[in-house]
C-alpha atoms as a PDB file:
ATOM      1  CA  MET A   1      71.118   5.359  -8.095  1.00  0.00           C
ATOM      2  CA  LYS A   2      70.601   8.006  -5.966  1.00  0.00           C
ATOM      3  CA  THR A   3      66.857   8.363  -6.072  1.00  0.00           C
ATOM      4  CA  TYR A   4      66.991   4.351  -5.226  1.00  0.00           C
ATOM      5  CA  ASN A   5      68.999   5.067  -2.362  1.00  0.00           C
ATOM      6  CA  LYS A   6      66.880   7.977  -1.017  1.00  0.00           C
ATOM      7  CA  ILE A   7      63.512   5.648  -1.276  1.00  0.00           C
ATOM      8  CA  VAL A   8      65.763   3.215   0.653  1.00  0.00           C
ATOM      9  CA  LEU A   9      66.543   5.508   3.396  1.00  0.00           C
ATOM     10  CA  ILE A  10      62.711   6.531   3.472  1.00  0.00           C
ATOM     11  CA  LEU A  11      61.240   3.248   3.669  1.00  0.00           C
ATOM     12  CA  ILE A  12      63.623   2.289   6.586  1.00  0.00           C
ATOM     13  CA  GLY A  13      63.106   5.448   8.391  1.00  0.00           C
ATOM     14  CA  PHE A  14      58.867   4.788   8.223  1.00  0.00           C
ATOM     15  CA  LEU A  15      59.964   1.434   9.329  1.00  0.00           C
ATOM     16  CA  ILE A  16      61.724   2.807  12.598  1.00  0.00           C
ATOM     17  CA  ILE A  17      59.275   5.000  13.287  1.00  0.00           C
ATOM     18  CA  SER A  18      56.325   2.515  13.080  1.00  0.00           C
ATOM     19  CA  CYS A  19      57.920   0.424  15.243  1.00  0.00           C
ATOM     20  CA  GLU A  20      57.572   2.807  18.079  1.00  0.00           C
ATOM     21  CA  ASP A  21      53.934   1.580  17.976  1.00  0.00           C
ATOM     22  CA  VAL A  22      52.836  -0.908  20.843  1.00  0.00           C
ATOM     23  CA  ILE A  23      50.828  -3.758  19.148  1.00  0.00           C
ATOM     24  CA  ASP A  24      49.096  -6.126  21.421  1.00  0.00           C
ATOM     25  CA  VAL A  25      47.962  -9.335  19.696  1.00  0.00           C
ATOM     26  CA  ASP A  26      44.812 -10.706  20.807  1.00  0.00           C
ATOM     27  CA  LEU A  27      45.645 -13.880  22.404  1.00  0.00           C
ATOM     28  CA  ASP A  28      43.537 -16.905  23.638  1.00  0.00           C
ATOM     29  CA  THR A  29      43.767 -17.573  27.166  1.00  0.00           C
ATOM     30  CA  ALA A  30      43.615 -21.419  28.604  1.00  0.00           C
ATOM     31  CA  THR A  31      41.653 -22.173  31.829  1.00  0.00           C
ATOM     32  CA  PRO A  32      43.862 -21.265  34.595  1.00  0.00           C
ATOM     33  CA  ARG A  33      45.785 -24.110  36.473  1.00  0.00           C
ATOM     34  CA  LEU A  34      47.222 -24.271  39.729  1.00  0.00           C
ATOM     35  CA  VAL A  35      50.704 -23.537  39.758  1.00  0.00           C
ATOM     36  CA  ILE A  36      52.981 -25.151  42.933  1.00  0.00           C
ATOM     37  CA  ASP A  37      56.255 -23.434  43.699  1.00  0.00           C
ATOM     38  CA  ALA A  38      57.185 -26.159  45.922  1.00  0.00           C
ATOM     39  CA  SER A  39      61.282 -25.700  46.452  1.00  0.00           C
ATOM     40  CA  ILE A  40      62.757 -26.930  49.968  1.00  0.00           C
ATOM     41  CA  ASP A  41      66.069 -25.606  49.883  1.00  0.00           C
ATOM     42  CA  TRP A  42      68.470 -26.469  52.599  1.00  0.00           C
ATOM     43  CA  VAL A  43      71.010 -23.499  52.525  1.00  0.00           C
ATOM     44  CA  LYS A  44      74.284 -25.144  53.691  1.00  0.00           C
ATOM     45  CA  GLY A  45      75.271 -23.687  57.319  1.00  0.00           C
ATOM     46  CA  THR A  46      71.323 -23.124  57.943  1.00  0.00           C
ATOM     47  CA  SER A  47      69.162 -25.472  60.210  1.00  0.00           C
ATOM     48  CA  GLY A  48      66.791 -25.413  57.233  1.00  0.00           C
ATOM     49  CA  ASN A  49      63.825 -25.520  59.460  1.00  0.00           C
ATOM     50  CA  GLU A  50      62.059 -22.634  57.722  1.00  0.00           C
ATOM     51  CA  GLN A  51      60.728 -23.175  54.391  1.00  0.00           C
ATOM     52  CA  LYS A  52      57.899 -22.196  51.978  1.00  0.00           C
ATOM     53  CA  ILE A  53      55.667 -23.159  49.431  1.00  0.00           C
ATOM     54  CA  VAL A  54      53.792 -20.771  47.055  1.00  0.00           C
ATOM     55  CA  LEU A  55      50.496 -21.291  45.271  1.00  0.00           C
ATOM     56  CA  SER A  56      49.041 -19.599  42.276  1.00  0.00           C
ATOM     57  CA  THR A  57      47.391 -19.867  39.359  1.00  0.00           C
ATOM     58  CA  SER A  58      48.498 -19.700  35.647  1.00  0.00           C
ATOM     59  CA  THR A  59      47.524 -16.307  33.976  1.00  0.00           C
ATOM     60  CA  GLY A  60      47.127 -14.891  30.611  1.00  0.00           C
ATOM     61  CA  TYR A  61      50.280 -13.726  28.616  1.00  0.00           C
ATOM     62  CA  TYR A  62      49.804 -10.123  29.256  1.00  0.00           C
ATOM     63  CA  SER A  63      49.005 -10.207  32.812  1.00  0.00           C
ATOM     64  CA  PRO A  64      51.897  -8.352  35.389  1.00  0.00           C
ATOM     65  CA  THR A  65      50.950 -10.662  38.293  1.00  0.00           C
ATOM     66  CA  PHE A  66      49.848 -14.250  38.924  1.00  0.00           C
ATOM     67  CA  PRO A  67      46.737 -14.863  41.129  1.00  0.00           C
ATOM     68  CA  THR A  68      47.465 -16.140  44.365  1.00  0.00           C
ATOM     69  CA  VAL A  69      45.717 -19.203  45.861  1.00  0.00           C
ATOM     70  CA  SER A  70      44.522 -19.357  49.345  1.00  0.00           C
ATOM     71  CA  GLY A  71      42.782 -21.836  51.343  1.00  0.00           C
ATOM     72  CA  ALA A  72      44.994 -25.285  50.773  1.00  0.00           C
ATOM     73  CA  ASP A  73      45.975 -27.633  53.576  1.00  0.00           C
ATOM     74  CA  ILE A  74      49.640 -28.761  52.575  1.00  0.00           C
ATOM     75  CA  THR A  75      51.784 -31.235  54.544  1.00  0.00           C
ATOM     76  CA  VAL A  76      55.102 -32.857  53.708  1.00  0.00           C
ATOM     77  CA  THR A  77      55.812 -36.275  55.599  1.00  0.00           C
ATOM     78  CA  ASN A  78      58.869 -38.174  55.835  1.00  0.00           C
ATOM     79  CA  THR A  79      59.841 -41.916  55.750  1.00  0.00           C
ATOM     80  CA  ALA A  80      59.612 -41.903  59.899  1.00  0.00           C
ATOM     81  CA  GLY A  81      55.877 -40.621  59.392  1.00  0.00           C
ATOM     82  CA  THR A  82      57.006 -37.203  60.700  1.00  0.00           C
ATOM     83  CA  VAL A  83      54.240 -34.386  59.430  1.00  0.00           C
ATOM     84  CA  PHE A  84      55.508 -30.906  58.643  1.00  0.00           C
ATOM     85  CA  THR A  85      52.768 -28.333  58.320  1.00  0.00           C
ATOM     86  CA  PHE A  86      52.895 -25.518  56.023  1.00  0.00           C
ATOM     87  CA  ILE A  87      50.576 -22.894  57.336  1.00  0.00           C
ATOM     88  CA  GLU A  88      49.238 -19.842  54.976  1.00  0.00           C
ATOM     89  CA  SER A  89      50.348 -16.432  55.691  1.00  0.00           C
ATOM     90  CA  GLY A  90      47.168 -13.975  55.497  1.00  0.00           C
ATOM     91  CA  ASN A  91      45.943 -14.633  51.892  1.00  0.00           C
ATOM     92  CA  THR A  92      49.037 -14.152  50.357  1.00  0.00           C
ATOM     93  CA  GLY A  93      49.466 -17.915  48.769  1.00  0.00           C
ATOM     94  CA  GLU A  94      52.766 -18.328  50.644  1.00  0.00           C
ATOM     95  CA  TYR A  95      52.550 -21.378  53.030  1.00  0.00           C
ATOM     96  CA  ILE A  96      55.486 -21.058  55.800  1.00  0.00           C
ATOM     97  CA  CYS A  97      56.767 -24.155  57.609  1.00  0.00           C
ATOM     98  CA  THR A  98      58.787 -23.181  60.768  1.00  0.00           C
ATOM     99  CA  ASP A  99      59.873 -26.848  62.031  1.00  0.00           C
ATOM    100  CA  PHE A 100      61.050 -28.547  58.971  1.00  0.00           C
ATOM    101  CA  GLN A 101      63.893 -31.300  59.134  1.00  0.00           C
ATOM    102  CA  PRO A 102      66.304 -31.542  56.469  1.00  0.00           C
ATOM    103  CA  VAL A 103      68.042 -34.999  56.124  1.00  0.00           C
ATOM    104  CA  ILE A 104      70.313 -35.633  53.113  1.00  0.00           C
ATOM    105  CA  GLY A 105      68.983 -38.756  51.266  1.00  0.00           C
ATOM    106  CA  GLU A 106      65.607 -38.737  52.964  1.00  0.00           C
ATOM    107  CA  THR A 107      62.789 -38.837  51.143  1.00  0.00           C
ATOM    108  CA  TYR A 108      59.642 -36.793  51.618  1.00  0.00           C
ATOM    109  CA  GLN A 109      56.208 -36.618  50.297  1.00  0.00           C
ATOM    110  CA  MET A 110      54.065 -33.654  49.935  1.00  0.00           C
ATOM    111  CA  THR A 111      50.371 -33.671  50.073  1.00  0.00           C
ATOM    112  CA  LEU A 112      48.001 -31.095  48.856  1.00  0.00           C
ATOM    113  CA  LEU A 113      44.435 -30.481  49.275  1.00  0.00           C
ATOM    114  CA  LEU A 114      42.578 -27.984  47.450  1.00  0.00           C
ATOM    115  CA  ASN A 115      38.741 -27.330  46.343  1.00  0.00           C
ATOM    116  CA  GLY A 116      38.044 -31.002  47.216  1.00  0.00           C
ATOM    117  CA  GLU A 117      41.301 -32.739  45.323  1.00  0.00           C
ATOM    118  CA  THR A 118      44.080 -34.282  46.762  1.00  0.00           C
ATOM    119  CA  TYR A 119      47.726 -33.387  44.802  1.00  0.00           C
ATOM    120  CA  SER A 120      50.795 -35.290  45.926  1.00  0.00           C
ATOM    121  CA  ALA A 121      54.547 -35.733  44.854  1.00  0.00           C
ATOM    122  CA  THR A 122      57.428 -37.241  46.548  1.00  0.00           C
ATOM    123  CA  GLU A 123      61.056 -36.487  46.246  1.00  0.00           C
ATOM    124  CA  THR A 124      64.405 -36.976  48.110  1.00  0.00           C
ATOM    125  CA  LEU A 125      66.633 -34.084  49.374  1.00  0.00           C
ATOM    126  CA  THR A 126      69.750 -34.385  47.374  1.00  0.00           C
ATOM    127  CA  SER A 127      73.478 -33.446  48.664  1.00  0.00           C
ATOM    128  CA  ALA A 128      75.493 -30.116  46.793  1.00  0.00           C
ATOM    129  CA  PRO A 129      79.317 -29.906  47.074  1.00  0.00           C
ATOM    130  CA  ASP A 130      81.047 -26.775  48.294  1.00  0.00           C
ATOM    131  CA  ILE A 131      81.842 -23.962  46.315  1.00  0.00           C
ATOM    132  CA  MET A 132      85.421 -23.506  46.500  1.00  0.00           C
ATOM    133  CA  GLU A 133      87.042 -20.309  47.892  1.00  0.00           C
ATOM    134  CA  THR A 134      89.133 -19.673  44.751  1.00  0.00           C
ATOM    135  CA  ILE A 135      87.172 -17.700  42.188  1.00  0.00           C
ATOM    136  CA  GLU A 136      88.970 -16.133  38.992  1.00  0.00           C
ATOM    137  CA  GLN A 137      88.191 -13.092  36.859  1.00  0.00           C
ATOM    138  CA  ASP A 138      89.203 -12.518  33.868  1.00  0.00           C
ATOM    139  CA  ASN A 139      88.459  -8.797  32.455  1.00  0.00           C
ATOM    140  CA  GLU A 140      88.519 -10.131  28.814  1.00  0.00           C
ATOM    141  CA  GLY A 141      86.606 -13.092  28.997  1.00  0.00           C
ATOM    142  CA  GLY A 142      82.748 -13.808  27.451  1.00  0.00           C
ATOM    143  CA  MET A 143      82.719 -15.350  23.807  1.00  0.00           C
ATOM    144  CA  GLY A 144      83.625 -11.848  22.217  1.00  0.00           C
ATOM    145  CA  GLY A 145      86.644 -11.462  24.556  1.00  0.00           C
ATOM    146  CA  ASP A 146      84.983  -8.198  25.915  1.00  0.00           C
ATOM    147  CA  GLU A 147      83.234  -9.022  28.760  1.00  0.00           C
ATOM    148  CA  ILE A 148      84.151  -9.690  32.651  1.00  0.00           C
ATOM    149  CA  GLU A 149      84.098 -13.342  33.469  1.00  0.00           C
ATOM    150  CA  ILE A 150      84.109 -15.303  36.429  1.00  0.00           C
ATOM    151  CA  THR A 151      84.737 -18.949  37.053  1.00  0.00           C
ATOM    152  CA  PHE A 152      84.228 -20.700  39.824  1.00  0.00           C
ATOM    153  CA  TYR A 153      85.110 -24.320  41.303  1.00  0.00           C
ATOM    154  CA  TYR A 154      83.502 -27.433  42.992  1.00  0.00           C
ATOM    155  CA  GLN A 155      84.791 -31.044  43.699  1.00  0.00           C
ATOM    156  CA  ASP A 156      82.252 -33.638  41.936  1.00  0.00           C
ATOM    157  CA  ASP A 157      81.374 -36.700  44.338  1.00  0.00           C
ATOM    158  CA  PRO A 158      83.601 -39.344  42.326  1.00  0.00           C
ATOM    159  CA  LEU A 159      81.298 -42.316  44.152  1.00  0.00           C
ATOM    160  CA  ALA A 160      77.999 -40.910  42.917  1.00  0.00           C
ATOM    161  CA  THR A 161      76.107 -40.027  39.655  1.00  0.00           C
ATOM    162  CA  ASN A 162      75.570 -36.128  40.361  1.00  0.00           C
ATOM    163  CA  PHE A 163      72.939 -33.734  38.804  1.00  0.00           C
ATOM    164  CA  TYR A 164      73.429 -29.762  39.760  1.00  0.00           C
ATOM    165  CA  LEU A 165      71.165 -26.843  39.353  1.00  0.00           C
ATOM    166  CA  PHE A 166      73.374 -23.285  39.198  1.00  0.00           C
ATOM    167  CA  GLY A 167      71.653 -19.722  39.976  1.00  0.00           C
ATOM    168  CA  ILE A 168      73.549 -16.945  39.352  1.00  0.00           C
ATOM    169  CA  ARG A 169      71.848 -13.404  40.819  1.00  0.00           C
ATOM    170  CA  SER A 170      73.735 -10.156  39.183  1.00  0.00           C
ATOM    171  CA  PRO A 171      72.830  -6.754  39.908  1.00  0.00           C
ATOM    172  CA  ARG A 172      72.896  -6.100  35.953  1.00  0.00           C
ATOM    173  CA  VAL A 173      70.136  -8.910  35.258  1.00  0.00           C
ATOM    174  CA  ALA A 174      66.764  -8.400  36.637  1.00  0.00           C
ATOM    175  CA  PHE A 175      66.095 -12.224  37.272  1.00  0.00           C
ATOM    176  CA  PRO A 176      68.255 -15.146  38.256  1.00  0.00           C
ATOM    177  CA  GLN A 177      69.841 -17.164  35.526  1.00  0.00           C
ATOM    178  CA  TYR A 178      69.867 -20.952  35.952  1.00  0.00           C
ATOM    179  CA  GLU A 179      71.772 -23.863  34.450  1.00  0.00           C
ATOM    180  CA  ILE A 180      71.972 -27.610  34.803  1.00  0.00           C
ATOM    181  CA  GLU A 181      74.818 -29.738  34.246  1.00  0.00           C
ATOM    182  CA  ASP A 182      75.349 -33.695  34.857  1.00  0.00           C
ATOM    183  CA  ASP A 183      78.849 -35.109  36.142  1.00  0.00           C
ATOM    184  CA  GLU A 184      78.909 -37.534  32.798  1.00  0.00           C
ATOM    185  CA  ASP A 185      82.209 -35.689  31.369  1.00  0.00           C
ATOM    186  CA  SER A 186      83.360 -34.971  34.914  1.00  0.00           C
ATOM    187  CA  GLN A 187      82.881 -37.579  37.489  1.00  0.00           C
ATOM    188  CA  GLY A 188      85.219 -37.038  40.334  1.00  0.00           C
ATOM    189  CA  ASN A 189      86.717 -34.193  38.918  1.00  0.00           C
ATOM    190  CA  ILE A 190      87.358 -30.699  40.159  1.00  0.00           C
ATOM    191  CA  VAL A 191      84.735 -29.020  37.944  1.00  0.00           C
ATOM    192  CA  PRO A 192      84.996 -24.928  36.826  1.00  0.00           C
ATOM    193  CA  GLU A 193      81.747 -23.074  35.780  1.00  0.00           C
ATOM    194  CA  TYR A 194      81.918 -19.726  34.248  1.00  0.00           C
ATOM    195  CA  TYR A 195      79.813 -16.769  34.365  1.00  0.00           C
ATOM    196  CA  SER A 196      80.166 -13.556  32.378  1.00  0.00           C
ATOM    197  CA  HIS A 197      78.073 -10.424  31.304  1.00  0.00           C
ATOM    198  CA  GLU A 198      79.119  -7.255  29.232  1.00  0.00           C
ATOM    199  CA  ASP A 199      77.529  -4.781  31.818  1.00  0.00           C
ATOM    200  CA  LEU A 200      79.282  -5.913  34.859  1.00  0.00           C
ATOM    201  CA  LYS A 201      81.267  -3.520  36.726  1.00  0.00           C
ATOM    202  CA  PRO A 202      83.841  -3.279  39.552  1.00  0.00           C
ATOM    203  CA  GLY A 203      81.929  -3.321  42.875  1.00  0.00           C
ATOM    204  CA  ASP A 204      79.229  -5.606  41.912  1.00  0.00           C
ATOM    205  CA  VAL A 205      78.369  -8.142  43.661  1.00  0.00           C
ATOM    206  CA  VAL A 206      77.459 -11.686  41.971  1.00  0.00           C
ATOM    207  CA  ASN A 207      75.712 -14.433  44.041  1.00  0.00           C
ATOM    208  CA  ILE A 208      76.305 -17.640  42.949  1.00  0.00           C
ATOM    209  CA  ARG A 209      74.025 -20.871  43.857  1.00  0.00           C
ATOM    210  CA  LEU A 210      74.834 -24.572  43.482  1.00  0.00           C
ATOM    211  CA  TYR A 211      71.819 -26.948  44.300  1.00  0.00           C
ATOM    212  CA  GLY A 212      72.385 -30.798  44.470  1.00  0.00           C
ATOM    213  CA  ILE A 213      69.106 -32.213  42.435  1.00  0.00           C
ATOM    214  CA  SER A 214      67.582 -35.600  41.300  1.00  0.00           C
ATOM    215  CA  GLU A 215      67.953 -37.007  38.231  1.00  0.00           C
ATOM    216  CA  GLN A 216      64.180 -36.407  37.765  1.00  0.00           C
ATOM    217  CA  TYR A 217      64.365 -32.807  38.403  1.00  0.00           C
ATOM    218  CA  TYR A 218      67.476 -32.526  35.992  1.00  0.00           C
ATOM    219  CA  ASN A 219      65.303 -34.128  33.587  1.00  0.00           C
ATOM    220  CA  TYR A 220      62.078 -31.394  34.366  1.00  0.00           C
ATOM    221  CA  MET A 221      64.228 -28.631  34.116  1.00  0.00           C
ATOM    222  CA  ASN A 222      66.282 -29.604  30.948  1.00  0.00           C
ATOM    223  CA  LYS A 223      62.405 -29.707  28.993  1.00  0.00           C
ATOM    224  CA  LEU A 224      61.547 -26.319  31.035  1.00  0.00           C
ATOM    225  CA  ILE A 225      64.650 -24.760  29.476  1.00  0.00           C
ATOM    226  CA  ILE A 226      64.086 -26.124  25.793  1.00  0.00           C
ATOM    227  CA  ALA A 227      60.532 -25.481  25.968  1.00  0.00           C
ATOM    228  CA  SER A 228      61.114 -21.561  26.939  1.00  0.00           C
ATOM    229  CA  GLY A 229      63.425 -20.955  23.870  1.00  0.00           C
ATOM    230  CA  ALA A 230      66.501 -20.397  26.344  1.00  0.00           C
ATOM    231  CA  ASP A 231      68.722 -23.228  25.094  1.00  0.00           C
ATOM    232  CA  THR A 232      71.259 -22.755  22.471  1.00  0.00           C
ATOM    233  CA  GLY A 233      70.607 -25.666  20.318  1.00  0.00           C
ATOM    234  CA  PRO A 234      69.951 -24.863  16.373  1.00  0.00           C
ATOM    235  CA  TRP A 235      66.614 -25.813  16.068  1.00  0.00           C
ATOM    236  CA  PRO A 236      63.849 -23.948  18.003  1.00  0.00           C
ATOM    237  CA  ALA A 237      61.416 -25.721  20.084  1.00  0.00           C
ATOM    238  CA  THR A 238      57.714 -25.518  19.884  1.00  0.00           C
ATOM    239  CA  PRO A 239      56.176 -24.175  22.822  1.00  0.00           C
ATOM    240  CA  SER A 240      54.884 -26.801  25.140  1.00  0.00           C
ATOM    241  CA  ALA A 241      53.710 -27.175  28.645  1.00  0.00           C
ATOM    242  CA  VAL A 242      55.999 -29.161  30.981  1.00  0.00           C
ATOM    243  CA  ARG A 243      54.634 -31.032  33.643  1.00  0.00           C
ATOM    244  CA  GLY A 244      56.449 -31.588  37.015  1.00  0.00           C
ATOM    245  CA  ASN A 245      56.076 -34.419  39.617  1.00  0.00           C
ATOM    246  CA  VAL A 246      52.732 -33.010  41.101  1.00  0.00           C
ATOM    247  CA  VAL A 247      50.040 -35.650  40.703  1.00  0.00           C
ATOM    248  CA  ASN A 248      46.265 -34.924  40.917  1.00  0.00           C
ATOM    249  CA  GLN A 249      45.052 -37.791  42.900  1.00  0.00           C
ATOM    250  CA  SER A 250      41.574 -36.831  42.508  1.00  0.00           C
ATOM    251  CA  ASN A 251      41.217 -35.735  39.072  1.00  0.00           C
ATOM    252  CA  GLY A 252      44.040 -36.437  36.504  1.00  0.00           C
ATOM    253  CA  GLN A 253      42.647 -34.122  33.884  1.00  0.00           C
ATOM    254  CA  ASN A 254      42.906 -31.185  36.142  1.00  0.00           C
ATOM    255  CA  PHE A 255      46.747 -31.396  36.667  1.00  0.00           C
ATOM    256  CA  ALA A 256      48.947 -28.893  38.335  1.00  0.00           C
ATOM    257  CA  PHE A 257      52.204 -27.220  36.747  1.00  0.00           C
ATOM    258  CA  GLY A 258      55.316 -26.956  39.086  1.00  0.00           C
ATOM    259  CA  TYR A 259      57.631 -29.264  41.105  1.00  0.00           C
ATOM    260  CA  PHE A 260      58.161 -30.539  44.491  1.00  0.00           C
ATOM    261  CA  ARG A 261      61.828 -30.205  44.685  1.00  0.00           C
ATOM    262  CA  LEU A 262      64.391 -31.181  47.959  1.00  0.00           C
ATOM    263  CA  ALA A 263      68.017 -29.744  47.227  1.00  0.00           C
ATOM    264  CA  GLU A 264      70.838 -28.689  49.587  1.00  0.00           C
ATOM    265  CA  VAL A 265      72.652 -25.452  48.204  1.00  0.00           C
ATOM    266  CA  ALA A 266      76.067 -24.036  48.639  1.00  0.00           C
ATOM    267  CA  ILE A 267      76.083 -20.151  48.115  1.00  0.00           C
ATOM    268  CA  ARG A 268      79.004 -17.845  47.709  1.00  0.00           C
ATOM    269  CA  ASP A 269      79.089 -13.716  46.725  1.00  0.00           C
ATOM    270  CA  TYR A 270      81.991 -12.974  44.642  1.00  0.00           C
ATOM    271  CA  THR A 271      82.722  -8.942  44.144  1.00  0.00           C
ATOM    272  CA  ILE A 272      84.111  -7.816  40.915  1.00  0.00           C
ATOM    273  CA  GLN A 273      87.183  -6.302  40.993  1.00  0.00           C
END
């Protein structure tokens, strides 16, 4: 038995040491596609006049950056025919508009011309409720009761069917964390939302963002979360490409990734106590 235990320990040690080597798998890289990040966000309390659309292309799995795309002509038009032009800043792939006019309930159409092809998308600017001032902190929160957890609240509109996107920015996580919600089970109620992390410390500032989104964008984000493997369901999803609302009017086979979204945004910071 002692000899057997020694062999097991040696094998485990070998496996641990061998895991230190980085293994690069030779993956096939698909033909790059245009990626359109057209998130028009109107932060409550601001004019919302300055907006940005970012163009890049898809790239290989191991690539640390996304190639930017220059030379596009981008406009957004409202139902009154007012045209808002997005002009590229240098050769950064970032297209800026400084005179945008956000109106809740207004429908906008984005038109993008690139390499002789025309891309378009239509979306409506959706309102968001305020994040209430009361934010509660529980130092024994989370699934295991060993994390700092905060609870924030918002009032759902009882007269409409609503869809929400939550964004949480924390100094303990490298990237923003997102979650979607509808009001099927909370119509007209004051709704609690929770966030916890095991590494939160007193003095950390958690940035909470509540977006009002359309049902179409809600469905898109739901598919994106499932495809990425970030949902909590028992069955892993097969990785797949999720297409947004942007349509290539010139060549349907050369479709783009991304989404043209318009949302009002409520923002509140909370400092961990």
